[in-house]
């Protein structure tokens, strides 16, 4: 089955993330195929402190601009239309430099959803 998502039809919920930060999230896919995908909204100056992931993560910046700091690469800015790929275990932090809309697709890392 194919699923379709128009921007105006997305359903948004609060999503707590690392460091007590709360983002807004609209889930696209989770639970099958060992992958999950969601849109996230980050207001300007929202910081997700240093963290890593047990699996890969790909982030597409649809609107706005992000600053990603990683131990291996230093500080990098990614603006709308750009993306970044985080390998498992890479320590990084993320800061929204503007109000930002992201599409995040990643390897499923929650045991309850693993197939």
PDB file of N, CA and C in Angstrom:
ATOM      1  N   UNK A   1       0.840  -1.173   0.000  1.00  0.00           N
ATOM      2  CA  UNK A   1       0.000   0.000   0.000  1.00  0.00           C
ATOM      3  C   UNK A   1       0.888   1.240   0.000  1.00  0.00           C
ATOM      4  N   UNK A   2       0.470   2.251  -0.704  1.00  0.00           N
ATOM      5  CA  UNK A   2       1.176   3.521  -0.753  1.00  0.00           C
ATOM      6  C   UNK A   2       0.443   4.522   0.138  1.00  0.00           C
ATOM      7  N   UNK A   3       1.211   5.332   0.871  1.00  0.00           N
ATOM      8  CA  UNK A   3       0.650   6.338   1.762  1.00  0.00           C
ATOM      9  C   UNK A   3       1.010   7.719   1.218  1.00  0.00           C
ATOM     10  N   UNK A   4       0.086   8.675   1.345  1.00  0.00           N
ATOM     11  CA  UNK A   4       0.286  10.020   0.818  1.00  0.00           C
ATOM     12  C   UNK A   4       0.092  11.037   1.943  1.00  0.00           C
ATOM     13  N   UNK A   5       0.943  12.068   1.963  1.00  0.00           N
ATOM     14  CA  UNK A   5       0.890  13.070   3.016  1.00  0.00           C
ATOM     15  C   UNK A   5       0.996  14.466   2.414  1.00  0.00           C
ATOM     16  N   UNK A   6      -0.078  15.231   2.456  1.00  0.00           N
ATOM     17  CA  UNK A   6      -0.021  16.639   2.115  1.00  0.00           C
ATOM     18  C   UNK A   6       0.312  17.412   3.389  1.00  0.00           C
ATOM     19  N   UNK A   7       1.085  18.455   3.247  1.00  0.00           N
ATOM     20  CA  UNK A   7       1.546  19.228   4.398  1.00  0.00           C
ATOM     21  C   UNK A   7       0.396  19.657   5.309  1.00  0.00           C
ATOM     22  N   UNK A   8      -0.701  20.109   4.721  1.00  0.00           N
ATOM     23  CA  UNK A   8      -1.818  20.607   5.518  1.00  0.00           C
ATOM     24  C   UNK A   8      -2.587  19.489   6.236  1.00  0.00           C
ATOM     25  N   UNK A   9      -2.350  18.241   5.870  1.00  0.00           N
ATOM     26  CA  UNK A   9      -3.060  17.118   6.483  1.00  0.00           C
ATOM     27  C   UNK A   9      -2.271  16.425   7.594  1.00  0.00           C
ATOM     28  N   UNK A  10      -1.055  16.875   7.873  1.00  0.00           N
ATOM     29  CA  UNK A  10      -0.234  16.208   8.878  1.00  0.00           C
ATOM     30  C   UNK A  10      -0.823  16.383  10.272  1.00  0.00           C
ATOM     31  N   UNK A  11      -0.691  15.361  11.093  1.00  0.00           N
ATOM     32  CA  UNK A  11      -1.159  15.382  12.475  1.00  0.00           C
ATOM     33  C   UNK A  11       0.054  15.539  13.391  1.00  0.00           C
ATOM     34  N   UNK A  12       0.098  16.610  14.177  1.00  0.00           N
ATOM     35  CA  UNK A  12       1.275  16.940  14.986  1.00  0.00           C
ATOM     36  C   UNK A  12       1.044  16.606  16.458  1.00  0.00           C
ATOM     37  N   UNK A  13       2.099  16.072  17.099  1.00  0.00           N
ATOM     38  CA  UNK A  13       2.085  15.748  18.518  1.00  0.00           C
ATOM     39  C   UNK A  13       3.389  16.198  19.152  1.00  0.00           C
ATOM     40  N   UNK A  14       3.374  16.418  20.464  1.00  0.00           N
ATOM     41  CA  UNK A  14       4.609  16.711  21.189  1.00  0.00           C
ATOM     42  C   UNK A  14       5.464  15.454  21.235  1.00  0.00           C
ATOM     43  N   UNK A  15       6.766  15.644  21.086  1.00  0.00           N
ATOM     44  CA  UNK A  15       7.705  14.526  21.107  1.00  0.00           C
ATOM     45  C   UNK A  15       8.899  14.899  21.973  1.00  0.00           C
ATOM     46  N   UNK A  16       8.974  14.369  23.199  1.00  0.00           N
ATOM     47  CA  UNK A  16      10.145  14.652  24.030  1.00  0.00           C
ATOM     48  C   UNK A  16      11.387  14.028  23.413  1.00  0.00           C
ATOM     49  N   UNK A  17      12.469  14.778  23.410  1.00  0.00           N
ATOM     50  CA  UNK A  17      13.756  14.267  22.911  1.00  0.00           C
ATOM     51  C   UNK A  17      14.807  14.491  23.995  1.00  0.00           C
ATOM     52  N   UNK A  18      16.029  14.155  23.697  1.00  0.00           N
ATOM     53  CA  UNK A  18      17.111  14.230  24.673  1.00  0.00           C
ATOM     54  C   UNK A  18      17.214  15.597  25.336  1.00  0.00           C
ATOM     55  N   UNK A  19      17.601  15.581  26.600  1.00  0.00           N
ATOM     56  CA  UNK A  19      17.833  16.823  27.318  1.00  0.00           C
ATOM     57  C   UNK A  19      16.570  17.550  27.737  1.00  0.00           C
ATOM     58  N   UNK A  20      15.413  16.862  27.707  1.00  0.00           N
ATOM     59  CA  UNK A  20      14.171  17.492  28.124  1.00  0.00           C
ATOM     60  C   UNK A  20      13.540  18.388  27.080  1.00  0.00           C
ATOM     61  N   UNK A  21      14.113  18.449  25.880  1.00  0.00           N
ATOM     62  CA  UNK A  21      13.566  19.256  24.792  1.00  0.00           C
ATOM     63  C   UNK A  21      12.299  18.598  24.258  1.00  0.00           C
ATOM     64  N   UNK A  22      11.316  19.411  23.900  1.00  0.00           N
ATOM     65  CA  UNK A  22      10.090  18.892  23.292  1.00  0.00           C
ATOM     66  C   UNK A  22       9.969  19.482  21.892  1.00  0.00           C
ATOM     67  N   UNK A  23       9.912  18.596  20.905  1.00  0.00           N
ATOM     68  CA  UNK A  23       9.718  19.002  19.519  1.00  0.00           C
ATOM     69  C   UNK A  23       8.286  18.649  19.128  1.00  0.00           C
ATOM     70  N   UNK A  24       7.870  19.078  17.943  1.00  0.00           N
ATOM     71  CA  UNK A  24       6.586  18.677  17.391  1.00  0.00           C
ATOM     72  C   UNK A  24       6.874  17.673  16.283  1.00  0.00           C
ATOM     73  N   UNK A  25       6.116  16.577  16.284  1.00  0.00           N
ATOM     74  CA  UNK A  25       6.403  15.455  15.394  1.00  0.00           C
ATOM     75  C   UNK A  25       5.131  15.004  14.703  1.00  0.00           C
ATOM     76  N   UNK A  26       5.270  14.650  13.423  1.00  0.00           N
ATOM     77  CA  UNK A  26       4.192  14.042  12.667  1.00  0.00           C
ATOM     78  C   UNK A  26       4.740  12.759  12.044  1.00  0.00           C
ATOM     79  N   UNK A  27       4.299  11.631  12.563  1.00  0.00           N
ATOM     80  CA  UNK A  27       4.824  10.323  12.128  1.00  0.00           C
ATOM     81  C   UNK A  27       4.310   9.993  10.734  1.00  0.00           C
ATOM     82  N   UNK A  28       5.231   9.524   9.909  1.00  0.00           N
ATOM     83  CA  UNK A  28       4.890   9.038   8.575  1.00  0.00           C
ATOM     84  C   UNK A  28       4.843   7.517   8.578  1.00  0.00           C
ATOM     85  N   UNK A  29       5.884   6.924   9.163  1.00  0.00           N
ATOM     86  CA  UNK A  29       5.992   5.464   9.132  1.00  0.00           C
ATOM     87  C   UNK A  29       6.755   4.979  10.341  1.00  0.00           C
ATOM     88  N   UNK A  30       6.280   3.894  10.955  1.00  0.00           N
ATOM     89  CA  UNK A  30       7.036   3.212  11.991  1.00  0.00           C
ATOM     90  C   UNK A  30       6.450   1.830  12.193  1.00  0.00           C
ATOM     91  N   UNK A  31       7.292   0.930  12.646  1.00  0.00           N
ATOM     92  CA  UNK A  31       6.807  -0.379  13.033  1.00  0.00           C
ATOM     93  C   UNK A  31       7.092  -1.512  12.072  1.00  0.00           C
ATOM     94  N   UNK A  32       7.302  -1.239  10.815  1.00  0.00           N
ATOM     95  CA  UNK A  32       7.611  -2.291   9.849  1.00  0.00           C
ATOM     96  C   UNK A  32       8.862  -1.915   9.073  1.00  0.00           C
ATOM     97  N   UNK A  33       9.508  -2.897   8.508  1.00  0.00           N
ATOM     98  CA  UNK A  33      10.661  -2.712   7.637  1.00  0.00           C
ATOM     99  C   UNK A  33      11.896  -2.168   8.367  1.00  0.00           C
ATOM    100  N   UNK A  34      11.896  -2.224   9.709  1.00  0.00           N
ATOM    101  CA  UNK A  34      13.034  -1.768  10.524  1.00  0.00           C
ATOM    102  C   UNK A  34      13.429  -0.322  10.235  1.00  0.00           C
ATOM    103  N   UNK A  35      12.441   0.518   9.928  1.00  0.00           N
ATOM    104  CA  UNK A  35      12.696   1.929   9.657  1.00  0.00           C
ATOM    105  C   UNK A  35      11.547   2.755  10.233  1.00  0.00           C
ATOM    106  N   UNK A  36      11.856   3.980  10.597  1.00  0.00           N
ATOM    107  CA  UNK A  36      10.813   4.919  10.990  1.00  0.00           C
ATOM    108  C   UNK A  36      11.101   6.265  10.354  1.00  0.00           C
ATOM    109  N   UNK A  37      10.046   7.026  10.134  1.00  0.00           N
ATOM    110  CA  UNK A  37      10.188   8.303   9.447  1.00  0.00           C
ATOM    111  C   UNK A  37       9.135   9.263   9.979  1.00  0.00           C
ATOM    112  N   UNK A  38       9.544  10.518  10.190  1.00  0.00           N
ATOM    113  CA  UNK A  38       8.613  11.522  10.709  1.00  0.00           C
ATOM    114  C   UNK A  38       9.100  12.913  10.341  1.00  0.00           C
ATOM    115  N   UNK A  39       8.146  13.838  10.269  1.00  0.00           N
ATOM    116  CA  UNK A  39       8.463  15.257  10.169  1.00  0.00           C
ATOM    117  C   UNK A  39       8.648  15.780  11.588  1.00  0.00           C
ATOM    118  N   UNK A  40       9.585  16.707  11.764  1.00  0.00           N
ATOM    119  CA  UNK A  40       9.804  17.363  13.053  1.00  0.00           C
ATOM    120  C   UNK A  40       9.869  18.863  12.837  1.00  0.00           C
ATOM    121  N   UNK A  41       9.294  19.621  13.773  1.00  0.00           N
ATOM    122  CA  UNK A  41       9.411  21.077  13.789  1.00  0.00           C
ATOM    123  C   UNK A  41      10.327  21.470  14.941  1.00  0.00           C
ATOM    124  N   UNK A  42      11.296  22.320  14.639  1.00  0.00           N
ATOM    125  CA  UNK A  42      12.179  22.866  15.666  1.00  0.00           C
ATOM    126  C   UNK A  42      12.115  24.387  15.583  1.00  0.00           C
ATOM    127  N   UNK A  43      11.671  25.053  16.656  1.00  0.00           N
ATOM    128  CA  UNK A  43      11.686  26.510  16.632  1.00  0.00           C
ATOM    129  C   UNK A  43      13.114  27.041  16.693  1.00  0.00           C
ATOM    130  N   UNK A  44      13.300  28.245  16.214  1.00  0.00           N
ATOM    131  CA  UNK A  44      14.607  28.899  16.241  1.00  0.00           C
ATOM    132  C   UNK A  44      15.205  28.797  17.649  1.00  0.00           C
ATOM    133  N   UNK A  45      16.494  28.478  17.701  1.00  0.00           N
ATOM    134  CA  UNK A  45      17.300  28.358  18.925  1.00  0.00           C
ATOM    135  C   UNK A  45      17.047  27.090  19.728  1.00  0.00           C
ATOM    136  N   UNK A  46      16.201  26.180  19.254  1.00  0.00           N
ATOM    137  CA  UNK A  46      16.042  24.908  19.956  1.00  0.00           C
ATOM    138  C   UNK A  46      17.317  24.098  19.782  1.00  0.00           C
ATOM    139  N   UNK A  47      17.831  23.591  20.894  1.00  0.00           N
ATOM    140  CA  UNK A  47      19.060  22.802  20.900  1.00  0.00           C
ATOM    141  C   UNK A  47      18.762  21.384  21.356  1.00  0.00           C
ATOM    142  N   UNK A  48      19.224  20.420  20.585  1.00  0.00           N
ATOM    143  CA  UNK A  48      19.237  19.035  21.029  1.00  0.00           C
ATOM    144  C   UNK A  48      20.678  18.758  21.432  1.00  0.00           C
ATOM    145  N   UNK A  49      20.936  18.562  22.745  1.00  0.00           N
ATOM    146  CA  UNK A  49      22.311  18.417  23.223  1.00  0.00           C
ATOM    147  C   UNK A  49      23.007  17.182  22.659  1.00  0.00           C
ATOM    148  N   UNK A  50      24.315  17.098  22.904  1.00  0.00           N
ATOM    149  CA  UNK A  50      25.117  15.976  22.391  1.00  0.00           C
ATOM    150  C   UNK A  50      24.449  14.640  22.687  1.00  0.00           C
ATOM    151  N   UNK A  51      24.424  13.797  21.658  1.00  0.00           N
ATOM    152  CA  UNK A  51      23.845  12.461  21.760  1.00  0.00           C
ATOM    153  C   UNK A  51      24.351  11.622  20.593  1.00  0.00           C
ATOM    154  N   UNK A  52      24.037  10.356  20.632  1.00  0.00           N
ATOM    155  CA  UNK A  52      24.312   9.474  19.494  1.00  0.00           C
ATOM    156  C   UNK A  52      23.107   8.559  19.305  1.00  0.00           C
ATOM    157  N   UNK A  53      23.156   7.748  18.261  1.00  0.00           N
ATOM    158  CA  UNK A  53      22.068   6.826  17.942  1.00  0.00           C
ATOM    159  C   UNK A  53      22.655   5.431  17.733  1.00  0.00           C
ATOM    160  N   UNK A  54      21.918   4.387  18.122  1.00  0.00           N
ATOM    161  CA  UNK A  54      22.413   3.028  17.899  1.00  0.00           C
ATOM    162  C   UNK A  54      22.358   2.599  16.429  1.00  0.00           C
ATOM    163  N   UNK A  55      21.542   3.284  15.627  1.00  0.00           N
ATOM    164  CA  UNK A  55      21.434   2.997  14.201  1.00  0.00           C
ATOM    165  C   UNK A  55      21.632   4.274  13.399  1.00  0.00           C
ATOM    166  N   UNK A  56      21.573   4.165  12.087  1.00  0.00           N
ATOM    167  CA  UNK A  56      21.772   5.325  11.210  1.00  0.00           C
ATOM    168  C   UNK A  56      20.561   6.265  11.275  1.00  0.00           C
ATOM    169  N   UNK A  57      20.822   7.546  10.973  1.00  0.00           N
ATOM    170  CA  UNK A  57      19.770   8.560  10.912  1.00  0.00           C
ATOM    171  C   UNK A  57      20.059   9.481   9.723  1.00  0.00           C
ATOM    172  N   UNK A  58      19.045   9.743   8.913  1.00  0.00           N
ATOM    173  CA  UNK A  58      19.165  10.699   7.819  1.00  0.00           C
ATOM    174  C   UNK A  58      18.187  11.836   8.067  1.00  0.00           C
ATOM    175  N   UNK A  59      18.673  13.078   7.992  1.00  0.00           N
ATOM    176  CA  UNK A  59      17.856  14.257   8.261  1.00  0.00           C
ATOM    177  C   UNK A  59      17.857  15.157   7.031  1.00  0.00           C
ATOM    178  N   UNK A  60      16.671  15.462   6.516  1.00  0.00           N
ATOM    179  CA  UNK A  60      16.506  16.381   5.393  1.00  0.00           C
ATOM    180  C   UNK A  60      15.914  17.670   5.944  1.00  0.00           C
ATOM    181  N   UNK A  61      16.572  18.790   5.673  1.00  0.00           N
ATOM    182  CA  UNK A  61      16.084  20.097   6.110  1.00  0.00           C
ATOM    183  C   UNK A  61      15.153  20.623   5.009  1.00  0.00           C
ATOM    184  N   UNK A  62      13.855  20.624   5.288  1.00  0.00           N
ATOM    185  CA  UNK A  62      12.870  21.057   4.300  1.00  0.00           C
ATOM    186  C   UNK A  62      12.667  22.570   4.316  1.00  0.00           C
ATOM    187  N   UNK A  63      12.703  23.147   5.508  1.00  0.00           N
ATOM    188  CA  UNK A  63      12.597  24.600   5.688  1.00  0.00           C
ATOM    189  C   UNK A  63      13.530  24.987   6.822  1.00  0.00           C
ATOM    190  N   UNK A  64      14.119  26.163   6.749  1.00  0.00           N
ATOM    191  CA  UNK A  64      14.947  26.662   7.843  1.00  0.00           C
ATOM    192  C   UNK A  64      16.423  26.340   7.680  1.00  0.00           C
ATOM    193  N   UNK A  65      17.120  26.291   8.812  1.00  0.00           N
ATOM    194  CA  UNK A  65      18.565  26.053   8.803  1.00  0.00           C
ATOM    195  C   UNK A  65      18.991  25.451  10.136  1.00  0.00           C
ATOM    196  N   UNK A  66      19.908  24.501  10.063  1.00  0.00           N
ATOM    197  CA  UNK A  66      20.418  23.789  11.238  1.00  0.00           C
ATOM    198  C   UNK A  66      21.929  23.961  11.345  1.00  0.00           C
ATOM    199  N   UNK A  67      22.426  23.908  12.574  1.00  0.00           N
ATOM    200  CA  UNK A  67      23.864  23.787  12.818  1.00  0.00           C
ATOM    201  C   UNK A  67      24.066  22.463  13.538  1.00  0.00           C
ATOM    202  N   UNK A  68      24.902  21.618  12.952  1.00  0.00           N
ATOM    203  CA  UNK A  68      25.206  20.317  13.527  1.00  0.00           C
ATOM    204  C   UNK A  68      26.662  20.349  13.970  1.00  0.00           C
ATOM    205  N   UNK A  69      26.890  19.988  15.227  1.00  0.00           N
ATOM    206  CA  UNK A  69      28.255  19.894  15.743  1.00  0.00           C
ATOM    207  C   UNK A  69      28.537  18.437  16.020  1.00  0.00           C
ATOM    208  N   UNK A  70      29.617  17.953  15.423  1.00  0.00           N
ATOM    209  CA  UNK A  70      30.022  16.561  15.617  1.00  0.00           C
ATOM    210  C   UNK A  70      31.504  16.527  15.955  1.00  0.00           C
ATOM    211  N   UNK A  71      31.881  15.566  16.768  1.00  0.00           N
ATOM    212  CA  UNK A  71      33.282  15.462  17.169  1.00  0.00           C
ATOM    213  C   UNK A  71      34.193  15.268  15.958  1.00  0.00           C
ATOM    214  N   UNK A  72      33.736  14.503  14.996  1.00  0.00           N
ATOM    215  CA  UNK A  72      34.573  14.176  13.838  1.00  0.00           C
ATOM    216  C   UNK A  72      34.671  15.313  12.825  1.00  0.00           C
ATOM    217  N   UNK A  73      33.611  16.133  12.689  1.00  0.00           N
ATOM    218  CA  UNK A  73      33.584  17.122  11.606  1.00  0.00           C
ATOM    219  C   UNK A  73      33.517  18.569  12.069  1.00  0.00           C
ATOM    220  N   UNK A  74      33.352  18.815  13.358  1.00  0.00           N
ATOM    221  CA  UNK A  74      33.208  20.190  13.839  1.00  0.00           C
ATOM    222  C   UNK A  74      31.805  20.696  13.595  1.00  0.00           C
ATOM    223  N   UNK A  75      31.669  21.995  13.337  1.00  0.00           N
ATOM    224  CA  UNK A  75      30.374  22.639  13.168  1.00  0.00           C
ATOM    225  C   UNK A  75      30.058  22.817  11.680  1.00  0.00           C
ATOM    226  N   UNK A  76      28.890  22.351  11.276  1.00  0.00           N
ATOM    227  CA  UNK A  76      28.448  22.429   9.877  1.00  0.00           C
ATOM    228  C   UNK A  76      27.038  23.006   9.852  1.00  0.00           C
ATOM    229  N   UNK A  77      26.767  23.898   8.901  1.00  0.00           N
ATOM    230  CA  UNK A  77      25.422  24.427   8.703  1.00  0.00           C
ATOM    231  C   UNK A  77      24.779  23.726   7.507  1.00  0.00           C
ATOM    232  N   UNK A  78      23.507  23.368   7.691  1.00  0.00           N
ATOM    233  CA  UNK A  78      22.730  22.762   6.616  1.00  0.00           C
ATOM    234  C   UNK A  78      21.453  23.582   6.478  1.00  0.00           C
ATOM    235  N   UNK A  79      21.216  24.109   5.276  1.00  0.00           N
ATOM    236  CA  UNK A  79      20.014  24.912   5.047  1.00  0.00           C
ATOM    237  C   UNK A  79      19.003  24.122   4.227  1.00  0.00           C
ATOM    238  N   UNK A  80      17.819  24.725   4.033  1.00  0.00           N
ATOM    239  CA  UNK A  80      16.737  23.996   3.371  1.00  0.00           C
ATOM    240  C   UNK A  80      17.181  23.437   2.034  1.00  0.00           C
ATOM    241  N   UNK A  81      16.754  22.207   1.806  1.00  0.00           N
ATOM    242  CA  UNK A  81      17.147  21.478   0.609  1.00  0.00           C
ATOM    243  C   UNK A  81      18.361  20.598   0.833  1.00  0.00           C
ATOM    244  N   UNK A  82      19.059  20.796   1.951  1.00  0.00           N
ATOM    245  CA  UNK A  82      20.221  19.975   2.277  1.00  0.00           C
ATOM    246  C   UNK A  82      19.847  18.860   3.240  1.00  0.00           C
ATOM    247  N   UNK A  83      20.775  17.947   3.442  1.00  0.00           N
ATOM    248  CA  UNK A  83      20.527  16.863   4.374  1.00  0.00           C
ATOM    249  C   UNK A  83      21.839  16.419   5.011  1.00  0.00           C
ATOM    250  N   UNK A  84      21.725  15.630   6.054  1.00  0.00           N
ATOM    251  CA  UNK A  84      22.903  15.023   6.661  1.00  0.00           C
ATOM    252  C   UNK A  84      22.574  13.615   7.113  1.00  0.00           C
ATOM    253  N   UNK A  85      23.601  12.785   7.149  1.00  0.00           N
ATOM    254  CA  UNK A  85      23.480  11.370   7.491  1.00  0.00           C
ATOM    255  C   UNK A  85      24.388  11.107   8.681  1.00  0.00           C
ATOM    256  N   UNK A  86      23.828  10.566   9.750  1.00  0.00           N
ATOM    257  CA  UNK A  86      24.578  10.277  10.970  1.00  0.00           C
ATOM    258  C   UNK A  86      24.745   8.764  11.085  1.00  0.00           C
ATOM    259  N   UNK A  87      25.981   8.322  11.156  1.00  0.00           N
ATOM    260  CA  UNK A  87      26.242   6.894  11.317  1.00  0.00           C
ATOM    261  C   UNK A  87      26.063   6.485  12.777  1.00  0.00           C
ATOM    262  N   UNK A  88      25.777   5.213  13.037  1.00  0.00           N
ATOM    263  CA  UNK A  88      25.599   4.753  14.410  1.00  0.00           C
ATOM    264  C   UNK A  88      26.801   5.136  15.284  1.00  0.00           C
ATOM    265  N   UNK A  89      26.499   5.684  16.468  1.00  0.00           N
ATOM    266  CA  UNK A  89      27.540   6.022  17.427  1.00  0.00           C
ATOM    267  C   UNK A  89      28.180   7.379  17.263  1.00  0.00           C
ATOM    268  N   UNK A  90      27.930   8.098  16.158  1.00  0.00           N
ATOM    269  CA  UNK A  90      28.507   9.433  15.975  1.00  0.00           C
ATOM    270  C   UNK A  90      27.872  10.404  16.974  1.00  0.00           C
ATOM    271  N   UNK A  91      28.687  11.009  17.823  1.00  0.00           N
ATOM    272  CA  UNK A  91      28.204  11.967  18.810  1.00  0.00           C
ATOM    273  C   UNK A  91      28.039  13.324  18.138  1.00  0.00           C
ATOM    274  N   UNK A  92      26.864  13.936  18.315  1.00  0.00           N
ATOM    275  CA  UNK A  92      26.572  15.214  17.664  1.00  0.00           C
ATOM    276  C   UNK A  92      25.520  15.978  18.464  1.00  0.00           C
ATOM    277  N   UNK A  93      25.406  17.279  18.200  1.00  0.00           N
ATOM    278  CA  UNK A  93      24.322  18.106  18.727  1.00  0.00           C
ATOM    279  C   UNK A  93      23.704  18.840  17.543  1.00  0.00           C
ATOM    280  N   UNK A  94      22.469  19.302  17.733  1.00  0.00           N
ATOM    281  CA  UNK A  94      21.748  19.969  16.659  1.00  0.00           C
ATOM    282  C   UNK A  94      21.082  21.233  17.192  1.00  0.00           C
ATOM    283  N   UNK A  95      21.241  22.332  16.460  1.00  0.00           N
ATOM    284  CA  UNK A  95      20.676  23.618  16.838  1.00  0.00           C
ATOM    285  C   UNK A  95      19.909  24.187  15.649  1.00  0.00           C
ATOM    286  N   UNK A  96      18.656  24.580  15.879  1.00  0.00           N
ATOM    287  CA  UNK A  96      17.875  25.241  14.833  1.00  0.00           C
ATOM    288  C   UNK A  96      18.267  26.713  14.789  1.00  0.00           C
ATOM    289  N   UNK A  97      18.838  27.166  13.686  1.00  0.00           N
ATOM    290  CA  UNK A  97      19.231  28.566  13.524  1.00  0.00           C
ATOM    291  C   UNK A  97      18.045  29.431  13.096  1.00  0.00           C
ATOM    292  N   UNK A  98      17.027  28.800  12.546  1.00  0.00           N
ATOM    293  CA  UNK A  98      15.765  29.435  12.156  1.00  0.00           C
ATOM    294  C   UNK A  98      14.651  28.449  12.520  1.00  0.00           C
ATOM    295  N   UNK A  99      13.403  28.885  12.457  1.00  0.00           N
ATOM    296  CA  UNK A  99      12.320  27.914  12.566  1.00  0.00           C
ATOM    297  C   UNK A  99      12.546  26.886  11.460  1.00  0.00           C
ATOM    298  N   UNK A 100      12.523  25.610  11.820  1.00  0.00           N
ATOM    299  CA  UNK A 100      12.976  24.570  10.898  1.00  0.00           C
ATOM    300  C   UNK A 100      11.994  23.413  10.831  1.00  0.00           C
ATOM    301  N   UNK A 101      11.800  22.904   9.623  1.00  0.00           N
ATOM    302  CA  UNK A 101      11.006  21.696   9.389  1.00  0.00           C
ATOM    303  C   UNK A 101      11.942  20.632   8.843  1.00  0.00           C
ATOM    304  N   UNK A 102      11.937  19.464   9.493  1.00  0.00           N
ATOM    305  CA  UNK A 102      12.836  18.371   9.133  1.00  0.00           C
ATOM    306  C   UNK A 102      12.046  17.134   8.740  1.00  0.00           C
ATOM    307  N   UNK A 103      12.624  16.326   7.866  1.00  0.00           N
ATOM    308  CA  UNK A 103      12.152  14.970   7.606  1.00  0.00           C
ATOM    309  C   UNK A 103      13.258  14.040   8.088  1.00  0.00           C
ATOM    310  N   UNK A 104      12.955  13.248   9.120  1.00  0.00           N
ATOM    311  CA  UNK A 104      13.945  12.362   9.723  1.00  0.00           C
ATOM    312  C   UNK A 104      13.555  10.924   9.429  1.00  0.00           C
ATOM    313  N   UNK A 105      14.467  10.180   8.814  1.00  0.00           N
ATOM    314  CA  UNK A 105      14.278   8.768   8.536  1.00  0.00           C
ATOM    315  C   UNK A 105      15.436   8.031   9.193  1.00  0.00           C
ATOM    316  N   UNK A 106      15.121   6.952   9.908  1.00  0.00           N
ATOM    317  CA  UNK A 106      16.179   6.275  10.645  1.00  0.00           C
ATOM    318  C   UNK A 106      15.896   4.798  10.812  1.00  0.00           C
ATOM    319  N   UNK A 107      16.955   4.078  11.156  1.00  0.00           N
ATOM    320  CA  UNK A 107      16.815   2.670  11.493  1.00  0.00           C
ATOM    321  C   UNK A 107      15.989   2.579  12.773  1.00  0.00           C
ATOM    322  N   UNK A 108      15.049   1.675  12.806  1.00  0.00           N
ATOM    323  CA  UNK A 108      14.222   1.499  14.007  1.00  0.00           C
ATOM    324  C   UNK A 108      15.091   0.967  15.140  1.00  0.00           C
ATOM    325  N   UNK A 109      15.090   1.673  16.283  1.00  0.00           N
ATOM    326  CA  UNK A 109      15.935   1.258  17.402  1.00  0.00           C
ATOM    327  C   UNK A 109      15.131   0.951  18.665  1.00  0.00           C
ATOM    328  N   UNK A 110      13.819   0.946  18.562  1.00  0.00           N
ATOM    329  CA  UNK A 110      12.979   0.661  19.731  1.00  0.00           C
ATOM    330  C   UNK A 110      12.535  -0.805  19.695  1.00  0.00           C
ATOM    331  N   UNK A 111      12.867  -1.583  20.725  1.00  0.00           N
ATOM    332  CA  UNK A 111      12.574  -3.021  20.718  1.00  0.00           C
ATOM    333  C   UNK A 111      11.117  -3.352  20.426  1.00  0.00           C
ATOM    334  N   UNK A 112      10.175  -2.557  20.931  1.00  0.00           N
ATOM    335  CA  UNK A 112       8.758  -2.845  20.718  1.00  0.00           C
ATOM    336  C   UNK A 112       8.355  -2.777  19.251  1.00  0.00           C
ATOM    337  N   UNK A 113       9.133  -2.078  18.433  1.00  0.00           N
ATOM    338  CA  UNK A 113       8.794  -1.919  17.017  1.00  0.00           C
ATOM    339  C   UNK A 113       9.651  -2.773  16.091  1.00  0.00           C
ATOM    340  N   UNK A 114      10.649  -3.453  16.636  1.00  0.00           N
ATOM    341  CA  UNK A 114      11.535  -4.267  15.787  1.00  0.00           C
ATOM    342  C   UNK A 114      10.769  -5.473  15.257  1.00  0.00           C
ATOM    343  N   UNK A 115      11.000  -5.762  13.979  1.00  0.00           N
ATOM    344  CA  UNK A 115      10.320  -6.928  13.399  1.00  0.00           C
ATOM    345  C   UNK A 115      11.169  -8.168  13.536  1.00  0.00           C
TER     346      UNK A 115
END
